[in-house]
């Protein structure tokens, strides 16, 4: 796609702050290209005079690309490929329907783990050891064990480059609703063609699972609780959000801004500077 020749997305509080900052970035970018901000919750944020649309990402350390509950994966046919939508549903269904049960069993598990640590000066490592300490009927522990197995299936789907490309295109740009990706980097906006950006990311990233960590004595720190997309380091983290009654059984897709920009800059060259604030990039052939 040709560029417009007329030219001369944490805690709830953090999420709200980033959202407000994101709107300011959209307004600034729109004013620089003499475009219009697109209202609503879609992926397209700004439209220019040539009817090209832009997804604008701000300067936060992490972007929340999406936060979806089960209805999205049931109804949105864009996720109905290679069974990935069903696997995300399985991730959510690893956890009990009621947040109150999850929270109650989480508190019980933490107490058992802390008591065990005080007595033994260590914490469990293997799944079997966690079951011995907490029991096999604790929904908090069981949900983490189930999630480990489901995440392996999601990782296997995203290990195929065609699937990864389709997933990134759907997640970041919601299919065909966006033409360009505009990324805030300090005082500049870096603009990439959507198709080229997804092609580069899908060829540069590899699916993996989170490793087991040490964590606090009362934490269950099993491996495979997140699906990762990595280059040299983590670039994307996909996890189940369960931190409140409002945000329970939701799939969160976070993207690390600096690592994403590094990958893109390694595969693109600066084609045009506009207004000292906007830099257009083209993929290196």
C-alpha atoms as a PDB file:
ATOM      1  CA  UNK A   1       0.000   0.000   0.000  1.00  0.00           C
ATOM      2  CA  UNK A   2       1.290   3.475  -0.905  1.00  0.00           C
ATOM      3  CA  UNK A   3       1.721   6.077   1.787  1.00  0.00           C
ATOM      4  CA  UNK A   4      -0.429   9.182   1.751  1.00  0.00           C
ATOM      5  CA  UNK A   5       1.475  11.590  -0.523  1.00  0.00           C
ATOM      6  CA  UNK A   6      -0.461  14.594   0.798  1.00  0.00           C
ATOM      7  CA  UNK A   7       1.324  14.448   4.155  1.00  0.00           C
ATOM      8  CA  UNK A   8       3.642  17.433   4.530  1.00  0.00           C
ATOM      9  CA  UNK A   9      -3.339  -0.757  23.998  1.00  0.00           C
ATOM     10  CA  UNK A  10      -1.290  -3.402  34.508  1.00  0.00           C
ATOM     11  CA  UNK A  11      -3.392  -2.445  37.525  1.00  0.00           C
ATOM     12  CA  UNK A  12      -6.794  -0.844  36.904  1.00  0.00           C
ATOM     13  CA  UNK A  13      -5.384   2.578  37.806  1.00  0.00           C
ATOM     14  CA  UNK A  14      -2.443   2.066  35.448  1.00  0.00           C
ATOM     15  CA  UNK A  15      -4.748   0.821  32.697  1.00  0.00           C
ATOM     16  CA  UNK A  16      -6.921   3.931  33.074  1.00  0.00           C
ATOM     17  CA  UNK A  17      -3.848   6.180  32.994  1.00  0.00           C
ATOM     18  CA  UNK A  18      -2.488   4.457  29.877  1.00  0.00           C
ATOM     19  CA  UNK A  19      -5.894   4.651  28.189  1.00  0.00           C
ATOM     20  CA  UNK A  20      -6.117   8.405  28.748  1.00  0.00           C
ATOM     21  CA  UNK A  21      -2.535   8.833  27.538  1.00  0.00           C
ATOM     22  CA  UNK A  22      -3.368   6.708  24.489  1.00  0.00           C
ATOM     23  CA  UNK A  23      -6.248   9.014  23.578  1.00  0.00           C
ATOM     24  CA  UNK A  24      -3.901  12.010  23.783  1.00  0.00           C
ATOM     25  CA  UNK A  25      -1.443  10.233  21.471  1.00  0.00           C
ATOM     26  CA  UNK A  26      -4.247   9.540  18.999  1.00  0.00           C
ATOM     27  CA  UNK A  27      -5.284  13.197  19.049  1.00  0.00           C
ATOM     28  CA  UNK A  28      -1.700  14.375  18.564  1.00  0.00           C
ATOM     29  CA  UNK A  29      -1.070  12.001  15.663  1.00  0.00           C
ATOM     30  CA  UNK A  30      -4.382  12.967  14.076  1.00  0.00           C
ATOM     31  CA  UNK A  31      -3.499  16.661  14.257  1.00  0.00           C
ATOM     32  CA  UNK A  32      -0.072  16.029  12.697  1.00  0.00           C
ATOM     33  CA  UNK A  33      -1.551  14.300   9.637  1.00  0.00           C
ATOM     34  CA  UNK A  34      -4.622  16.553   9.510  1.00  0.00           C
ATOM     35  CA  UNK A  35      -6.823  13.527  10.049  1.00  0.00           C
ATOM     36  CA  UNK A  36      -9.668  12.578  12.353  1.00  0.00           C
ATOM     37  CA  UNK A  37      -9.811  10.440  15.494  1.00  0.00           C
ATOM     38  CA  UNK A  38     -12.129   7.454  15.111  1.00  0.00           C
ATOM     39  CA  UNK A  39     -14.347   7.044  18.170  1.00  0.00           C
ATOM     40  CA  UNK A  40     -15.182   3.666  19.662  1.00  0.00           C
ATOM     41  CA  UNK A  41     -13.221   0.610  20.783  1.00  0.00           C
ATOM     42  CA  UNK A  42     -12.065  -0.702  17.402  1.00  0.00           C
ATOM     43  CA  UNK A  43      -8.442  -1.126  16.381  1.00  0.00           C
ATOM     44  CA  UNK A  44      -8.523   1.796  13.916  1.00  0.00           C
ATOM     45  CA  UNK A  45      -7.817   5.010  15.847  1.00  0.00           C
ATOM     46  CA  UNK A  46      -7.222   7.670  13.178  1.00  0.00           C
ATOM     47  CA  UNK A  47      -8.292   8.164   9.548  1.00  0.00           C
ATOM     48  CA  UNK A  48      -6.526  10.461   7.076  1.00  0.00           C
ATOM     49  CA  UNK A  49      -7.836  12.447   4.102  1.00  0.00           C
ATOM     50  CA  UNK A  50      -7.178   9.489   1.779  1.00  0.00           C
ATOM     51  CA  UNK A  51      -9.322   7.214   3.983  1.00  0.00           C
ATOM     52  CA  UNK A  52      -6.281   5.288   5.215  1.00  0.00           C
ATOM     53  CA  UNK A  53      -6.675   4.125   8.809  1.00  0.00           C
ATOM     54  CA  UNK A  54      -4.076   3.891  11.561  1.00  0.00           C
ATOM     55  CA  UNK A  55      -3.788   1.975  14.797  1.00  0.00           C
ATOM     56  CA  UNK A  56      -1.902   4.283  17.180  1.00  0.00           C
ATOM     57  CA  UNK A  57       0.162   2.835  20.014  1.00  0.00           C
ATOM     58  CA  UNK A  58       1.579   5.103  22.700  1.00  0.00           C
ATOM     59  CA  UNK A  59       4.715   5.119  24.792  1.00  0.00           C
ATOM     60  CA  UNK A  60       3.703   2.766  27.610  1.00  0.00           C
ATOM     61  CA  UNK A  61       6.195   0.042  28.538  1.00  0.00           C
ATOM     62  CA  UNK A  62       3.592  -2.603  27.681  1.00  0.00           C
ATOM     63  CA  UNK A  63       0.620  -2.385  25.328  1.00  0.00           C
ATOM     64  CA  UNK A  64      -2.529  -4.280  26.197  1.00  0.00           C
ATOM     65  CA  UNK A  65      -3.439  -5.512  22.730  1.00  0.00           C
ATOM     66  CA  UNK A  66      -6.613  -7.169  23.922  1.00  0.00           C
ATOM     67  CA  UNK A  67      -8.501  -8.288  27.011  1.00  0.00           C
ATOM     68  CA  UNK A  68     -11.257 -10.711  25.973  1.00  0.00           C
ATOM     69  CA  UNK A  69     -13.721 -12.918  27.799  1.00  0.00           C
ATOM     70  CA  UNK A  70     -15.290 -16.133  26.577  1.00  0.00           C
ATOM     71  CA  UNK A  71     -18.004 -14.481  24.456  1.00  0.00           C
ATOM     72  CA  UNK A  72     -15.389 -12.936  22.179  1.00  0.00           C
ATOM     73  CA  UNK A  73     -13.827 -16.310  21.385  1.00  0.00           C
ATOM     74  CA  UNK A  74     -17.244 -17.898  20.857  1.00  0.00           C
ATOM     75  CA  UNK A  75     -18.670 -15.221  18.547  1.00  0.00           C
ATOM     76  CA  UNK A  76     -15.649 -13.781  16.732  1.00  0.00           C
ATOM     77  CA  UNK A  77     -14.950 -15.985  13.709  1.00  0.00           C
ATOM     78  CA  UNK A  78     -11.539 -14.356  13.345  1.00  0.00           C
ATOM     79  CA  UNK A  79     -10.367 -16.643  16.148  1.00  0.00           C
ATOM     80  CA  UNK A  80     -11.955 -19.765  14.635  1.00  0.00           C
ATOM     81  CA  UNK A  81      -8.826 -21.158  12.987  1.00  0.00           C
ATOM     82  CA  UNK A  82      -6.663 -24.112  13.980  1.00  0.00           C
ATOM     83  CA  UNK A  83      -8.885 -24.513  17.055  1.00  0.00           C
ATOM     84  CA  UNK A  84      -7.198 -21.586  18.808  1.00  0.00           C
ATOM     85  CA  UNK A  85     -10.485 -19.982  19.856  1.00  0.00           C
ATOM     86  CA  UNK A  86     -11.523 -23.229  21.530  1.00  0.00           C
ATOM     87  CA  UNK A  87      -8.155 -23.499  23.245  1.00  0.00           C
ATOM     88  CA  UNK A  88      -8.583 -20.003  24.682  1.00  0.00           C
ATOM     89  CA  UNK A  89     -12.005 -21.078  25.920  1.00  0.00           C
ATOM     90  CA  UNK A  90     -10.358 -24.114  27.513  1.00  0.00           C
ATOM     91  CA  UNK A  91      -7.899 -21.746  29.220  1.00  0.00           C
ATOM     92  CA  UNK A  92     -10.754 -19.768  30.719  1.00  0.00           C
ATOM     93  CA  UNK A  93     -12.648 -22.916  31.657  1.00  0.00           C
ATOM     94  CA  UNK A  94      -9.617 -24.144  33.577  1.00  0.00           C
ATOM     95  CA  UNK A  95     -10.865 -21.787  36.275  1.00  0.00           C
ATOM     96  CA  UNK A  96     -14.113 -22.130  38.267  1.00  0.00           C
ATOM     97  CA  UNK A  97     -17.106 -20.124  37.069  1.00  0.00           C
ATOM     98  CA  UNK A  98     -17.404 -18.215  40.335  1.00  0.00           C
ATOM     99  CA  UNK A  99     -14.678 -15.782  41.343  1.00  0.00           C
ATOM    100  CA  UNK A 100     -15.615 -16.252  45.006  1.00  0.00           C
ATOM    101  CA  UNK A 101     -14.633 -19.948  44.863  1.00  0.00           C
ATOM    102  CA  UNK A 102     -11.376 -19.136  43.095  1.00  0.00           C
ATOM    103  CA  UNK A 103     -10.532 -16.448  45.649  1.00  0.00           C
ATOM    104  CA  UNK A 104     -11.451 -18.625  48.631  1.00  0.00           C
ATOM    105  CA  UNK A 105      -9.356 -21.577  47.445  1.00  0.00           C
ATOM    106  CA  UNK A 106      -6.494 -19.236  46.566  1.00  0.00           C
ATOM    107  CA  UNK A 107      -6.438 -17.971  50.145  1.00  0.00           C
ATOM    108  CA  UNK A 108      -6.524 -21.556  51.463  1.00  0.00           C
ATOM    109  CA  UNK A 109      -3.677 -22.598  49.163  1.00  0.00           C
ATOM    110  CA  UNK A 110      -1.538 -19.656  50.191  1.00  0.00           C
ATOM    111  CA  UNK A 111      -2.009 -20.483  53.874  1.00  0.00           C
ATOM    112  CA  UNK A 112      -1.044 -24.124  53.312  1.00  0.00           C
ATOM    113  CA  UNK A 113       2.046 -23.115  51.335  1.00  0.00           C
ATOM    114  CA  UNK A 114       3.156 -20.572  53.925  1.00  0.00           C
ATOM    115  CA  UNK A 115       2.742 -23.096  56.754  1.00  0.00           C
ATOM    116  CA  UNK A 116       4.707 -25.652  54.739  1.00  0.00           C
ATOM    117  CA  UNK A 117       7.489 -23.145  54.096  1.00  0.00           C
ATOM    118  CA  UNK A 118       7.749 -22.152  57.760  1.00  0.00           C
ATOM    119  CA  UNK A 119       8.095 -25.805  58.720  1.00  0.00           C
ATOM    120  CA  UNK A 120      10.393 -26.998  55.918  1.00  0.00           C
ATOM    121  CA  UNK A 121      12.238 -23.828  54.804  1.00  0.00           C
ATOM    122  CA  UNK A 122      11.411 -24.636  51.188  1.00  0.00           C
ATOM    123  CA  UNK A 123       8.426 -24.677  48.872  1.00  0.00           C
ATOM    124  CA  UNK A 124       7.078 -27.363  46.536  1.00  0.00           C
ATOM    125  CA  UNK A 125       8.520 -27.670  43.036  1.00  0.00           C
ATOM    126  CA  UNK A 126       6.717 -30.496  41.241  1.00  0.00           C
ATOM    127  CA  UNK A 127       2.965 -30.673  40.638  1.00  0.00           C
ATOM    128  CA  UNK A 128       2.793 -33.777  42.818  1.00  0.00           C
ATOM    129  CA  UNK A 129       4.453 -31.899  45.664  1.00  0.00           C
ATOM    130  CA  UNK A 130       1.938 -29.068  45.426  1.00  0.00           C
ATOM    131  CA  UNK A 131      -0.906 -31.592  45.531  1.00  0.00           C
ATOM    132  CA  UNK A 132       0.581 -33.219  48.643  1.00  0.00           C
ATOM    133  CA  UNK A 133       0.706 -29.866  50.418  1.00  0.00           C
ATOM    134  CA  UNK A 134      -2.547 -28.279  49.227  1.00  0.00           C
ATOM    135  CA  UNK A 135      -4.685 -31.306  48.335  1.00  0.00           C
ATOM    136  CA  UNK A 136      -6.286 -32.416  45.080  1.00  0.00           C
ATOM    137  CA  UNK A 137      -9.617 -30.622  45.555  1.00  0.00           C
ATOM    138  CA  UNK A 138      -8.320 -27.052  45.671  1.00  0.00           C
ATOM    139  CA  UNK A 139      -9.709 -25.182  42.629  1.00  0.00           C
ATOM    140  CA  UNK A 140      -6.924 -22.601  42.635  1.00  0.00           C
ATOM    141  CA  UNK A 141      -4.240 -25.260  42.292  1.00  0.00           C
ATOM    142  CA  UNK A 142      -6.264 -27.401  39.899  1.00  0.00           C
ATOM    143  CA  UNK A 143      -6.865 -24.436  37.592  1.00  0.00           C
ATOM    144  CA  UNK A 144      -3.130 -23.822  37.286  1.00  0.00           C
ATOM    145  CA  UNK A 145      -2.479 -27.486  36.523  1.00  0.00           C
ATOM    146  CA  UNK A 146      -5.174 -27.512  33.824  1.00  0.00           C
ATOM    147  CA  UNK A 147      -3.870 -24.250  32.364  1.00  0.00           C
ATOM    148  CA  UNK A 148      -0.408 -25.766  31.922  1.00  0.00           C
ATOM    149  CA  UNK A 149      -1.825 -28.396  29.571  1.00  0.00           C
ATOM    150  CA  UNK A 150      -4.020 -26.008  27.572  1.00  0.00           C
ATOM    151  CA  UNK A 151      -1.187 -23.528  27.082  1.00  0.00           C
ATOM    152  CA  UNK A 152       0.911 -26.283  25.527  1.00  0.00           C
ATOM    153  CA  UNK A 153      -1.775 -26.637  22.841  1.00  0.00           C
ATOM    154  CA  UNK A 154      -1.886 -22.872  22.206  1.00  0.00           C
ATOM    155  CA  UNK A 155       1.899 -22.798  21.958  1.00  0.00           C
ATOM    156  CA  UNK A 156       1.817 -25.643  19.416  1.00  0.00           C
ATOM    157  CA  UNK A 157      -0.722 -23.758  17.259  1.00  0.00           C
ATOM    158  CA  UNK A 158       1.330 -20.551  17.331  1.00  0.00           C
ATOM    159  CA  UNK A 159       4.538 -22.448  16.560  1.00  0.00           C
ATOM    160  CA  UNK A 160       3.300 -22.701  12.965  1.00  0.00           C
ATOM    161  CA  UNK A 161       4.222 -19.456  11.204  1.00  0.00           C
ATOM    162  CA  UNK A 162       1.014 -19.213   9.155  1.00  0.00           C
ATOM    163  CA  UNK A 163      -1.046 -19.527  12.338  1.00  0.00           C
ATOM    164  CA  UNK A 164       1.127 -16.989  14.133  1.00  0.00           C
ATOM    165  CA  UNK A 165       0.749 -14.497  11.296  1.00  0.00           C
ATOM    166  CA  UNK A 166      -3.031 -14.914  11.260  1.00  0.00           C
ATOM    167  CA  UNK A 167      -3.207 -14.591  15.044  1.00  0.00           C
ATOM    168  CA  UNK A 168      -1.100 -11.407  15.137  1.00  0.00           C
ATOM    169  CA  UNK A 169      -3.089  -9.852  12.294  1.00  0.00           C
ATOM    170  CA  UNK A 170      -6.355 -10.582  14.072  1.00  0.00           C
ATOM    171  CA  UNK A 171      -5.162  -9.565  17.529  1.00  0.00           C
ATOM    172  CA  UNK A 172      -3.323  -6.342  16.724  1.00  0.00           C
ATOM    173  CA  UNK A 173      -5.405  -5.076  13.808  1.00  0.00           C
ATOM    174  CA  UNK A 174      -8.662  -7.052  13.960  1.00  0.00           C
ATOM    175  CA  UNK A 175      -8.270  -8.327  10.422  1.00  0.00           C
ATOM    176  CA  UNK A 176      -8.686  -5.768   7.649  1.00  0.00           C
ATOM    177  CA  UNK A 177      -9.843  -2.746   9.657  1.00  0.00           C
ATOM    178  CA  UNK A 178      -6.447  -0.973   9.746  1.00  0.00           C
ATOM    179  CA  UNK A 179      -3.940   0.085   7.045  1.00  0.00           C
ATOM    180  CA  UNK A 180      -0.983   1.400   9.069  1.00  0.00           C
ATOM    181  CA  UNK A 181       0.563   1.000  12.497  1.00  0.00           C
ATOM    182  CA  UNK A 182       1.714   4.232  14.148  1.00  0.00           C
ATOM    183  CA  UNK A 183       3.945   3.772  17.200  1.00  0.00           C
ATOM    184  CA  UNK A 184       4.930   6.577  19.581  1.00  0.00           C
ATOM    185  CA  UNK A 185       8.671   6.529  20.288  1.00  0.00           C
ATOM    186  CA  UNK A 186       9.771   9.464  22.427  1.00  0.00           C
ATOM    187  CA  UNK A 187       8.698  12.585  20.481  1.00  0.00           C
ATOM    188  CA  UNK A 188       8.248  10.716  17.184  1.00  0.00           C
ATOM    189  CA  UNK A 189       5.578   8.569  15.592  1.00  0.00           C
ATOM    190  CA  UNK A 190       6.978   5.615  13.619  1.00  0.00           C
ATOM    191  CA  UNK A 191       4.592   4.467  10.883  1.00  0.00           C
ATOM    192  CA  UNK A 192       4.675   0.952   9.410  1.00  0.00           C
ATOM    193  CA  UNK A 193       2.533  -0.761   6.818  1.00  0.00           C
ATOM    194  CA  UNK A 194       0.323  -3.230   8.662  1.00  0.00           C
ATOM    195  CA  UNK A 195       0.973  -6.145   6.326  1.00  0.00           C
ATOM    196  CA  UNK A 196       4.739  -5.650   6.389  1.00  0.00           C
ATOM    197  CA  UNK A 197       4.820  -5.279  10.175  1.00  0.00           C
ATOM    198  CA  UNK A 198       2.899  -8.500  10.775  1.00  0.00           C
ATOM    199  CA  UNK A 199       5.030 -10.366   8.241  1.00  0.00           C
ATOM    200  CA  UNK A 200       8.205  -9.287  10.060  1.00  0.00           C
ATOM    201  CA  UNK A 201       6.862 -10.055  13.534  1.00  0.00           C
ATOM    202  CA  UNK A 202       5.534 -13.486  12.574  1.00  0.00           C
ATOM    203  CA  UNK A 203       8.891 -14.437  11.023  1.00  0.00           C
ATOM    204  CA  UNK A 204      10.880 -13.037  13.970  1.00  0.00           C
ATOM    205  CA  UNK A 205       8.917 -14.436  16.925  1.00  0.00           C
ATOM    206  CA  UNK A 206       8.851 -17.953  18.345  1.00  0.00           C
ATOM    207  CA  UNK A 207       6.151 -19.398  20.601  1.00  0.00           C
ATOM    208  CA  UNK A 208       7.212 -20.606  24.036  1.00  0.00           C
ATOM    209  CA  UNK A 209       5.877 -21.139  27.565  1.00  0.00           C
ATOM    210  CA  UNK A 210       6.799 -19.340  30.766  1.00  0.00           C
ATOM    211  CA  UNK A 211       9.323 -21.116  32.966  1.00  0.00           C
ATOM    212  CA  UNK A 212       8.931 -22.054  36.586  1.00  0.00           C
ATOM    213  CA  UNK A 213      10.035 -19.276  38.927  1.00  0.00           C
ATOM    214  CA  UNK A 214      10.932 -19.179  42.609  1.00  0.00           C
ATOM    215  CA  UNK A 215       8.389 -16.594  43.687  1.00  0.00           C
ATOM    216  CA  UNK A 216       7.174 -15.938  47.197  1.00  0.00           C
ATOM    217  CA  UNK A 217       6.785 -18.805  49.681  1.00  0.00           C
ATOM    218  CA  UNK A 218       2.983 -18.676  49.355  1.00  0.00           C
ATOM    219  CA  UNK A 219       2.931 -18.546  45.542  1.00  0.00           C
ATOM    220  CA  UNK A 220       2.175 -21.451  43.204  1.00  0.00           C
ATOM    221  CA  UNK A 221       4.936 -20.972  40.646  1.00  0.00           C
ATOM    222  CA  UNK A 222       4.366 -23.678  38.064  1.00  0.00           C
ATOM    223  CA  UNK A 223       5.713 -23.466  34.524  1.00  0.00           C
ATOM    224  CA  UNK A 224       3.465 -22.853  31.537  1.00  0.00           C
ATOM    225  CA  UNK A 225       1.170 -20.258  33.074  1.00  0.00           C
ATOM    226  CA  UNK A 226       1.769 -17.867  30.154  1.00  0.00           C
ATOM    227  CA  UNK A 227       2.168 -18.322  26.410  1.00  0.00           C
ATOM    228  CA  UNK A 228       5.111 -16.239  25.213  1.00  0.00           C
ATOM    229  CA  UNK A 229       6.196 -14.956  21.829  1.00  0.00           C
ATOM    230  CA  UNK A 230       9.934 -14.416  21.965  1.00  0.00           C
ATOM    231  CA  UNK A 231      12.799 -13.086  19.922  1.00  0.00           C
ATOM    232  CA  UNK A 232      15.899 -12.922  22.114  1.00  0.00           C
ATOM    233  CA  UNK A 233      13.614 -11.845  24.937  1.00  0.00           C
ATOM    234  CA  UNK A 234       9.896 -11.910  25.628  1.00  0.00           C
ATOM    235  CA  UNK A 235       7.962  -9.661  23.254  1.00  0.00           C
ATOM    236  CA  UNK A 236       4.414 -10.924  23.845  1.00  0.00           C
ATOM    237  CA  UNK A 237       2.836 -12.384  26.994  1.00  0.00           C
ATOM    238  CA  UNK A 238      -0.578 -14.070  26.818  1.00  0.00           C
ATOM    239  CA  UNK A 239      -2.160 -14.940  30.142  1.00  0.00           C
ATOM    240  CA  UNK A 240      -5.445 -15.399  31.968  1.00  0.00           C
ATOM    241  CA  UNK A 241      -6.395 -12.383  34.053  1.00  0.00           C
ATOM    242  CA  UNK A 242      -8.003 -13.326  37.373  1.00  0.00           C
ATOM    243  CA  UNK A 243      -7.266 -10.416  39.688  1.00  0.00           C
ATOM    244  CA  UNK A 244     -10.793  -9.296  40.620  1.00  0.00           C
ATOM    245  CA  UNK A 245     -14.467 -10.120  40.279  1.00  0.00           C
ATOM    246  CA  UNK A 246     -14.622  -7.566  37.434  1.00  0.00           C
ATOM    247  CA  UNK A 247     -11.564  -8.928  35.651  1.00  0.00           C
ATOM    248  CA  UNK A 248     -11.942 -12.680  35.992  1.00  0.00           C
ATOM    249  CA  UNK A 249     -11.532 -15.378  33.344  1.00  0.00           C
ATOM    250  CA  UNK A 250     -10.222 -12.995  30.684  1.00  0.00           C
ATOM    251  CA  UNK A 251      -7.402 -13.551  28.180  1.00  0.00           C
ATOM    252  CA  UNK A 252      -4.907 -10.694  28.218  1.00  0.00           C
ATOM    253  CA  UNK A 253      -2.448 -10.108  25.360  1.00  0.00           C
ATOM    254  CA  UNK A 254       0.403  -7.803  26.392  1.00  0.00           C
ATOM    255  CA  UNK A 255       3.118  -6.595  24.015  1.00  0.00           C
ATOM    256  CA  UNK A 256       6.401  -5.024  25.138  1.00  0.00           C
ATOM    257  CA  UNK A 257       6.799  -1.770  23.209  1.00  0.00           C
ATOM    258  CA  UNK A 258      10.600  -1.411  23.188  1.00  0.00           C
ATOM    259  CA  UNK A 259      11.221  -4.998  22.061  1.00  0.00           C
ATOM    260  CA  UNK A 260       8.612  -4.651  19.308  1.00  0.00           C
ATOM    261  CA  UNK A 261      10.196  -1.459  18.011  1.00  0.00           C
ATOM    262  CA  UNK A 262      13.651  -3.092  18.045  1.00  0.00           C
ATOM    263  CA  UNK A 263      12.434  -5.941  15.822  1.00  0.00           C
ATOM    264  CA  UNK A 264      10.702  -3.603  13.393  1.00  0.00           C
ATOM    265  CA  UNK A 265      13.656  -1.223  13.109  1.00  0.00           C
ATOM    266  CA  UNK A 266      15.970  -4.151  12.344  1.00  0.00           C
ATOM    267  CA  UNK A 267      13.838  -5.042   9.307  1.00  0.00           C
ATOM    268  CA  UNK A 268      12.741  -1.622   8.046  1.00  0.00           C
ATOM    269  CA  UNK A 269      14.451   1.485   6.751  1.00  0.00           C
ATOM    270  CA  UNK A 270      13.344   5.065   7.234  1.00  0.00           C
ATOM    271  CA  UNK A 271      11.644   6.098   3.997  1.00  0.00           C
ATOM    272  CA  UNK A 272      10.297   9.543   4.763  1.00  0.00           C
ATOM    273  CA  UNK A 273      10.240  12.136   7.537  1.00  0.00           C
ATOM    274  CA  UNK A 274       7.172  14.319   7.761  1.00  0.00           C
ATOM    275  CA  UNK A 275       6.781  17.424   9.905  1.00  0.00           C
ATOM    276  CA  UNK A 276       9.820  16.448  12.027  1.00  0.00           C
ATOM    277  CA  UNK A 277       7.495  14.262  14.090  1.00  0.00           C
ATOM    278  CA  UNK A 278       6.398  11.402  11.829  1.00  0.00           C
ATOM    279  CA  UNK A 279       8.747   8.870  10.269  1.00  0.00           C
ATOM    280  CA  UNK A 280       7.501   6.446   7.642  1.00  0.00           C
ATOM    281  CA  UNK A 281       9.214   3.068   7.331  1.00  0.00           C
ATOM    282  CA  UNK A 282       9.496   0.541   4.523  1.00  0.00           C
ATOM    283  CA  UNK A 283      10.506  -3.090   4.879  1.00  0.00           C
ATOM    284  CA  UNK A 284      14.040  -3.910   3.749  1.00  0.00           C
ATOM    285  CA  UNK A 285      13.805  -6.081   0.632  1.00  0.00           C
END
